[in-house]
N, C-alpha and C. Protein backbone atom coordinates (compact mmCIF):
# COMPACT_ATOMS: atom_id res chain seq x y z
N MET A 1 73.08 209.18 -14.76
CA MET A 1 71.86 208.79 -14.08
C MET A 1 70.81 209.87 -14.31
N TRP A 2 69.62 209.44 -14.62
CA TRP A 2 68.54 210.37 -14.91
C TRP A 2 67.71 210.63 -13.67
N LEU A 3 67.17 211.81 -13.59
CA LEU A 3 66.26 212.17 -12.50
C LEU A 3 64.87 211.70 -12.86
N GLY A 4 64.19 211.04 -11.95
CA GLY A 4 62.84 210.57 -12.22
C GLY A 4 62.84 209.33 -13.09
N SER A 5 61.71 209.11 -13.75
CA SER A 5 61.59 207.94 -14.60
C SER A 5 61.07 208.35 -15.98
N PHE A 6 60.95 207.35 -16.83
CA PHE A 6 60.49 207.56 -18.20
C PHE A 6 59.05 208.08 -18.22
N LYS A 7 58.30 207.80 -17.17
CA LYS A 7 56.90 208.23 -17.10
C LYS A 7 56.77 209.75 -17.11
N TRP A 8 57.77 210.44 -16.53
CA TRP A 8 57.72 211.90 -16.52
C TRP A 8 57.67 212.45 -17.95
N ASN A 9 58.43 211.87 -18.85
CA ASN A 9 58.41 212.33 -20.24
C ASN A 9 57.02 212.20 -20.83
N ILE A 10 56.40 211.05 -20.59
CA ILE A 10 55.08 210.80 -21.17
C ILE A 10 54.03 211.71 -20.54
N TYR A 11 54.07 211.86 -19.21
CA TYR A 11 53.07 212.69 -18.53
C TYR A 11 53.13 214.15 -18.98
N ILE A 12 54.31 214.73 -18.94
CA ILE A 12 54.45 216.14 -19.31
C ILE A 12 54.15 216.36 -20.79
N ALA A 13 54.66 215.49 -21.64
CA ALA A 13 54.39 215.63 -23.07
C ALA A 13 52.91 215.42 -23.36
N GLY A 14 52.25 214.52 -22.66
CA GLY A 14 50.81 214.30 -22.85
C GLY A 14 49.99 215.50 -22.42
N ILE A 15 50.33 216.09 -21.29
CA ILE A 15 49.60 217.28 -20.81
C ILE A 15 49.76 218.43 -21.79
N VAL A 16 50.99 218.66 -22.24
CA VAL A 16 51.23 219.75 -23.21
C VAL A 16 50.52 219.46 -24.52
N SER A 17 50.50 218.21 -24.94
CA SER A 17 49.84 217.84 -26.19
C SER A 17 48.33 218.08 -26.11
N VAL A 18 47.73 217.70 -25.01
CA VAL A 18 46.28 217.92 -24.85
C VAL A 18 45.96 219.41 -24.80
N LEU A 19 46.76 220.17 -24.06
CA LEU A 19 46.52 221.62 -24.01
C LEU A 19 46.72 222.26 -25.38
N THR A 20 47.72 221.81 -26.12
CA THR A 20 47.93 222.34 -27.47
C THR A 20 46.75 222.01 -28.37
N PHE A 21 46.25 220.81 -28.27
CA PHE A 21 45.10 220.42 -29.09
C PHE A 21 43.86 221.26 -28.73
N ILE A 22 43.62 221.46 -27.43
CA ILE A 22 42.43 222.22 -27.00
C ILE A 22 42.51 223.67 -27.49
N PHE A 23 43.66 224.30 -27.33
CA PHE A 23 43.77 225.70 -27.74
C PHE A 23 43.91 225.85 -29.25
N SER A 24 44.32 224.80 -29.95
CA SER A 24 44.47 224.88 -31.39
C SER A 24 43.17 224.56 -32.14
N ILE A 25 42.33 223.75 -31.56
CA ILE A 25 41.09 223.35 -32.23
C ILE A 25 40.13 224.52 -32.38
N ILE A 26 40.30 225.53 -31.57
CA ILE A 26 39.41 226.70 -31.61
C ILE A 26 39.55 227.42 -32.95
N ASN A 27 40.76 227.58 -33.45
CA ASN A 27 40.99 228.37 -34.66
C ASN A 27 41.41 227.55 -35.88
N ASN A 28 41.65 226.24 -35.73
CA ASN A 28 42.15 225.44 -36.83
C ASN A 28 41.25 224.24 -37.10
N LEU A 29 41.53 223.56 -38.21
CA LEU A 29 40.81 222.34 -38.52
C LEU A 29 41.29 221.21 -37.60
N PHE A 30 40.51 220.14 -37.58
CA PHE A 30 40.81 219.02 -36.68
C PHE A 30 42.16 218.39 -37.00
N LEU A 31 42.45 218.16 -38.28
CA LEU A 31 43.69 217.51 -38.68
C LEU A 31 44.91 218.37 -38.33
N GLU A 32 44.82 219.66 -38.58
CA GLU A 32 45.95 220.54 -38.26
C GLU A 32 46.15 220.64 -36.74
N SER A 33 45.08 220.67 -35.98
CA SER A 33 45.19 220.69 -34.52
C SER A 33 45.81 219.40 -34.00
N LEU A 34 45.44 218.29 -34.61
CA LEU A 34 46.00 217.01 -34.21
C LEU A 34 47.49 216.93 -34.55
N LEU A 35 47.90 217.46 -35.71
CA LEU A 35 49.31 217.47 -36.07
C LEU A 35 50.12 218.37 -35.13
N ARG A 36 49.57 219.51 -34.77
CA ARG A 36 50.26 220.40 -33.84
C ARG A 36 50.39 219.75 -32.46
N ALA A 37 49.35 219.04 -32.05
CA ALA A 37 49.41 218.36 -30.76
C ALA A 37 50.46 217.25 -30.78
N LEU A 38 50.56 216.52 -31.89
CA LEU A 38 51.58 215.47 -32.01
C LEU A 38 52.99 216.07 -32.05
N ASN A 39 53.13 217.19 -32.74
CA ASN A 39 54.43 217.88 -32.76
C ASN A 39 54.82 218.35 -31.35
N ALA A 40 53.85 218.90 -30.64
CA ALA A 40 54.12 219.35 -29.27
C ALA A 40 54.49 218.16 -28.38
N PHE A 41 53.82 217.02 -28.57
CA PHE A 41 54.15 215.83 -27.81
C PHE A 41 55.59 215.40 -28.07
N ALA A 42 55.99 215.37 -29.33
CA ALA A 42 57.35 214.94 -29.68
C ALA A 42 58.40 215.89 -29.13
N VAL A 43 58.15 217.19 -29.26
CA VAL A 43 59.13 218.18 -28.79
C VAL A 43 59.27 218.10 -27.27
N PHE A 44 58.16 218.07 -26.55
CA PHE A 44 58.24 218.05 -25.10
C PHE A 44 58.70 216.69 -24.57
N PHE A 45 58.44 215.62 -25.29
CA PHE A 45 58.96 214.32 -24.90
C PHE A 45 60.48 214.32 -24.93
N LEU A 46 61.06 214.89 -25.99
CA LEU A 46 62.51 214.98 -26.08
C LEU A 46 63.08 216.04 -25.13
N LEU A 47 62.35 217.13 -24.95
CA LEU A 47 62.80 218.18 -24.05
C LEU A 47 62.87 217.70 -22.59
N MET A 48 61.99 216.79 -22.21
CA MET A 48 62.00 216.26 -20.85
C MET A 48 63.25 215.43 -20.58
N PHE A 49 63.84 214.81 -21.60
CA PHE A 49 65.11 214.12 -21.40
C PHE A 49 66.18 215.11 -20.96
N VAL A 50 66.21 216.27 -21.62
CA VAL A 50 67.19 217.29 -21.28
C VAL A 50 66.94 217.81 -19.86
N VAL A 51 65.68 218.06 -19.52
CA VAL A 51 65.33 218.57 -18.19
C VAL A 51 65.70 217.55 -17.12
N ARG A 52 65.40 216.29 -17.36
CA ARG A 52 65.74 215.25 -16.37
C ARG A 52 67.24 215.10 -16.22
N TYR A 53 67.99 215.20 -17.32
CA TYR A 53 69.45 215.08 -17.25
C TYR A 53 70.04 216.26 -16.47
N LEU A 54 69.59 217.48 -16.79
CA LEU A 54 70.10 218.65 -16.07
C LEU A 54 69.70 218.62 -14.60
N GLY A 55 68.52 218.14 -14.31
CA GLY A 55 68.09 218.00 -12.92
C GLY A 55 68.95 217.03 -12.14
N SER A 56 69.35 215.95 -12.79
CA SER A 56 70.23 214.99 -12.10
C SER A 56 71.62 215.58 -11.88
N LYS A 57 72.08 216.40 -12.79
CA LYS A 57 73.38 217.05 -12.61
C LYS A 57 73.31 218.10 -11.50
N LEU A 58 72.19 218.80 -11.38
CA LEU A 58 72.04 219.79 -10.32
C LEU A 58 72.00 219.14 -8.94
N ILE A 59 71.30 218.03 -8.83
CA ILE A 59 71.18 217.36 -7.54
C ILE A 59 72.50 216.70 -7.18
N GLY A 60 73.15 216.07 -8.11
CA GLY A 60 74.45 215.45 -7.87
C GLY A 60 74.32 214.04 -7.34
N GLU A 61 75.43 213.34 -7.41
CA GLU A 61 75.45 211.94 -6.97
C GLU A 61 75.41 211.82 -5.46
N GLU A 62 75.97 212.81 -4.74
CA GLU A 62 76.01 212.70 -3.28
C GLU A 62 74.64 212.87 -2.64
N ASN A 63 73.70 213.50 -3.33
CA ASN A 63 72.35 213.68 -2.80
C ASN A 63 71.34 212.74 -3.44
N ARG A 64 71.81 211.75 -4.18
CA ARG A 64 70.92 210.83 -4.88
C ARG A 64 70.09 210.01 -3.89
N HIS A 65 70.64 209.72 -2.71
CA HIS A 65 69.91 208.90 -1.74
C HIS A 65 68.66 209.60 -1.22
N LEU A 66 68.57 210.92 -1.38
CA LEU A 66 67.39 211.64 -0.92
C LEU A 66 66.19 211.41 -1.83
N LEU A 67 66.41 210.95 -3.04
CA LEU A 67 65.34 210.77 -4.00
C LEU A 67 64.90 209.32 -4.15
N GLU A 68 65.31 208.44 -3.25
CA GLU A 68 64.95 207.04 -3.37
C GLU A 68 63.44 206.89 -3.25
N ALA A 69 62.88 206.04 -4.11
CA ALA A 69 61.42 205.90 -4.16
C ALA A 69 60.87 205.20 -2.94
N ASP A 70 61.60 204.27 -2.36
CA ASP A 70 61.08 203.52 -1.22
C ASP A 70 61.46 204.15 0.12
N LYS A 71 62.00 205.33 0.09
CA LYS A 71 62.39 206.01 1.32
C LYS A 71 61.16 206.36 2.14
N GLY A 72 61.14 205.90 3.38
CA GLY A 72 60.02 206.18 4.26
C GLY A 72 58.84 205.25 4.09
N GLN A 73 58.97 204.22 3.29
CA GLN A 73 57.87 203.30 3.05
C GLN A 73 57.88 202.10 3.98
N PHE A 74 59.01 201.81 4.59
CA PHE A 74 59.13 200.64 5.43
C PHE A 74 59.55 201.03 6.84
N ILE A 75 59.01 200.32 7.83
CA ILE A 75 59.33 200.57 9.22
C ILE A 75 59.95 199.33 9.81
N ASN A 76 61.07 199.49 10.48
CA ASN A 76 61.73 198.36 11.13
C ASN A 76 61.19 198.29 12.55
N LEU A 77 60.37 197.29 12.83
CA LEU A 77 59.75 197.16 14.14
C LEU A 77 60.52 196.25 15.08
N VAL A 78 61.69 195.82 14.70
CA VAL A 78 62.50 194.94 15.54
C VAL A 78 63.42 195.80 16.39
N THR A 79 63.38 195.57 17.70
CA THR A 79 64.27 196.29 18.60
C THR A 79 65.39 195.36 19.03
N PRO A 80 66.57 195.88 19.29
CA PRO A 80 67.67 195.01 19.71
C PRO A 80 67.44 194.51 21.13
N ASP A 81 67.97 193.32 21.42
CA ASP A 81 67.86 192.76 22.76
C ASP A 81 68.74 193.54 23.71
N LEU A 82 68.21 193.79 24.92
CA LEU A 82 68.97 194.49 25.94
C LEU A 82 69.74 193.47 26.78
N PRO A 83 70.93 193.83 27.26
CA PRO A 83 71.65 192.90 28.12
C PRO A 83 70.94 192.80 29.47
N PRO A 84 71.11 191.71 30.18
CA PRO A 84 70.47 191.58 31.49
C PRO A 84 70.95 192.66 32.44
N ALA A 85 70.06 193.12 33.32
CA ALA A 85 70.37 194.23 34.22
C ALA A 85 71.36 193.82 35.31
N SER A 86 71.47 192.53 35.62
CA SER A 86 72.35 192.09 36.70
C SER A 86 73.82 192.14 36.29
N ASP A 87 74.13 191.99 35.02
CA ASP A 87 75.51 192.03 34.57
C ASP A 87 75.95 193.47 34.31
N PRO A 88 77.05 193.92 34.93
CA PRO A 88 77.53 195.27 34.64
C PRO A 88 78.13 195.31 33.25
N PRO A 89 78.04 196.43 32.58
CA PRO A 89 78.66 196.55 31.26
C PRO A 89 80.16 196.36 31.36
N PRO A 90 80.79 195.76 30.36
CA PRO A 90 82.23 195.48 30.44
C PRO A 90 83.09 196.74 30.46
N SER A 91 82.56 197.89 30.10
CA SER A 91 83.38 199.09 30.05
C SER A 91 83.61 199.68 31.43
N GLN A 92 82.80 199.32 32.43
CA GLN A 92 82.99 199.86 33.77
C GLN A 92 84.09 199.08 34.47
N ASP A 93 84.97 199.83 35.10
CA ASP A 93 86.09 199.22 35.80
C ASP A 93 86.25 199.91 37.14
N VAL A 94 86.73 199.19 38.14
CA VAL A 94 86.87 199.76 39.47
C VAL A 94 87.92 200.86 39.47
N ALA A 95 89.00 200.68 38.76
CA ALA A 95 90.07 201.68 38.72
C ALA A 95 89.59 202.95 38.03
N SER A 96 88.74 202.83 37.01
CA SER A 96 88.26 204.02 36.33
C SER A 96 87.29 204.81 37.18
N ASP A 97 86.60 204.17 38.12
CA ASP A 97 85.70 204.89 39.03
C ASP A 97 86.48 205.82 39.94
N LYS A 98 87.67 205.42 40.39
CA LYS A 98 88.48 206.26 41.27
C LYS A 98 88.98 207.49 40.52
N THR A 99 89.37 207.32 39.28
CA THR A 99 89.87 208.46 38.52
C THR A 99 88.74 209.44 38.20
N THR A 100 87.54 208.96 37.99
CA THR A 100 86.44 209.88 37.71
C THR A 100 86.06 210.66 38.96
N ASP A 101 86.18 210.04 40.16
CA ASP A 101 85.89 210.78 41.38
C ASP A 101 86.88 211.93 41.57
N VAL A 102 88.15 211.68 41.26
CA VAL A 102 89.16 212.72 41.39
C VAL A 102 88.87 213.83 40.40
N ASN A 103 88.48 213.49 39.18
CA ASN A 103 88.17 214.51 38.18
C ASN A 103 86.98 215.35 38.59
N PHE A 104 86.01 214.74 39.23
CA PHE A 104 84.84 215.52 39.65
C PHE A 104 85.17 216.43 40.82
N GLN A 105 86.12 216.04 41.66
CA GLN A 105 86.48 216.89 42.79
C GLN A 105 87.23 218.13 42.29
N GLU A 106 88.00 217.99 41.22
CA GLU A 106 88.73 219.12 40.69
C GLU A 106 87.86 220.04 39.85
N PHE A 107 86.73 219.58 39.47
CA PHE A 107 85.86 220.35 38.57
C PHE A 107 85.11 221.43 39.33
N SER A 108 85.14 222.63 38.81
CA SER A 108 84.32 223.72 39.36
C SER A 108 83.70 224.44 38.17
N PRO A 109 82.40 224.45 38.06
CA PRO A 109 81.77 224.93 36.83
C PRO A 109 81.87 226.42 36.58
N PHE A 110 81.95 227.25 37.63
CA PHE A 110 81.94 228.69 37.42
C PHE A 110 83.24 229.34 37.85
N ASP A 111 84.33 228.71 37.59
CA ASP A 111 85.63 229.26 37.98
C ASP A 111 86.26 229.92 36.76
N PHE A 112 85.78 231.11 36.42
CA PHE A 112 86.27 231.82 35.25
C PHE A 112 87.42 232.75 35.65
N PRO A 113 88.36 232.99 34.77
CA PRO A 113 89.41 233.95 35.11
C PRO A 113 88.84 235.36 35.16
N LYS A 114 89.43 236.16 36.00
CA LYS A 114 88.95 237.52 36.18
C LYS A 114 89.42 238.38 35.02
N VAL A 115 88.52 239.17 34.47
CA VAL A 115 88.84 240.07 33.37
C VAL A 115 89.16 241.43 33.97
N SER A 116 90.32 241.95 33.62
CA SER A 116 90.71 243.26 34.16
C SER A 116 90.68 244.29 33.05
N ASP A 117 90.62 245.55 33.43
CA ASP A 117 90.64 246.64 32.45
C ASP A 117 92.02 246.73 31.82
N ASN A 118 92.00 246.94 30.56
CA ASN A 118 93.25 247.14 29.83
C ASN A 118 93.49 248.63 29.76
N GLN A 119 94.63 249.06 30.23
CA GLN A 119 94.93 250.49 30.29
C GLN A 119 95.09 251.10 28.90
N GLU A 120 95.51 250.30 27.92
CA GLU A 120 95.69 250.83 26.57
C GLU A 120 94.36 251.23 25.95
N ILE A 121 93.32 250.50 26.27
CA ILE A 121 92.02 250.80 25.70
C ILE A 121 91.46 252.09 26.28
N SER A 122 91.71 252.36 27.54
CA SER A 122 91.15 253.57 28.16
C SER A 122 91.84 254.83 27.65
N ASP A 123 93.04 254.71 27.02
CA ASP A 123 93.74 255.88 26.48
C ASP A 123 93.18 256.33 25.14
N VAL A 124 92.26 255.56 24.54
CA VAL A 124 91.71 255.89 23.23
C VAL A 124 90.67 257.00 23.43
N SER A 125 90.75 258.01 22.59
CA SER A 125 89.82 259.13 22.72
C SER A 125 88.47 258.78 22.11
N PRO A 126 87.41 259.38 22.59
CA PRO A 126 86.08 259.10 22.03
C PRO A 126 85.95 259.48 20.57
N GLU A 127 86.71 260.49 20.13
CA GLU A 127 86.66 260.87 18.72
C GLU A 127 87.18 259.76 17.82
N ASP A 128 88.24 259.07 18.28
CA ASP A 128 88.78 257.95 17.50
C ASP A 128 87.78 256.81 17.42
N VAL A 129 87.05 256.57 18.50
CA VAL A 129 86.03 255.52 18.50
C VAL A 129 84.92 255.87 17.52
N VAL A 130 84.50 257.14 17.50
CA VAL A 130 83.45 257.58 16.59
C VAL A 130 83.90 257.45 15.14
N LYS A 131 85.15 257.81 14.85
CA LYS A 131 85.68 257.67 13.49
C LYS A 131 85.70 256.21 13.06
N ALA A 132 86.13 255.35 13.97
CA ALA A 132 86.18 253.92 13.64
C ALA A 132 84.78 253.37 13.38
N LEU A 133 83.81 253.77 14.18
CA LEU A 133 82.43 253.32 13.97
C LEU A 133 81.87 253.82 12.65
N ARG A 134 82.17 255.06 12.31
CA ARG A 134 81.69 255.60 11.03
C ARG A 134 82.32 254.89 9.85
N MET A 135 83.60 254.56 9.98
CA MET A 135 84.26 253.83 8.89
C MET A 135 83.67 252.43 8.73
N LEU A 136 83.37 251.76 9.83
CA LEU A 136 82.80 250.42 9.75
C LEU A 136 81.37 250.44 9.26
N SER A 137 80.62 251.48 9.59
CA SER A 137 79.23 251.53 9.15
C SER A 137 79.11 251.86 7.67
N ASN A 138 80.12 252.48 7.08
CA ASN A 138 80.10 252.79 5.65
C ASN A 138 80.38 251.57 4.81
N ASP A 139 81.00 250.53 5.36
CA ASP A 139 81.30 249.31 4.60
C ASP A 139 80.07 248.54 4.48
C-alpha cells in the first residue's frame, strides 16, 4: 500500500522541474534548461514512488486508519433513543440492592494500615547511606 496518491509524484516533480528550469535558464540556453527540467521531473517523479513506499512502511498497516481522507469530514447527527423514564433498567434487581448496601457499610475510605518503624533500617549508619547515595548518583 502506498502513502498518499499519485498526485504527490506529479506535484513534487513539477515543483522541482520548475525550480530547475528557473535556476538553469540563467546560465544555459533555453533548450538545455528545458532538458534539465524534464530530467529533473523524471528523476523526482520516480523518486517519489520510493519515498511514498518507504513512508507507508514507516507508518505501518496498524496506523493506516489515521490517514483516511474522509476522516473528520462527516458528522453523525442521529442520537439513540432513550428508554422511557418510568421503566427501570433490567439490570437493577431488589436482591442486588441489599448486597450493595452491605458493601457500602463495610467500606471505609481512609482505613489504612499503620506503618511502623523497622528496626533493621535504624541500625544502618549514616556513612553507609552516604556511600549508597554516591554510588547511585554516579550511575
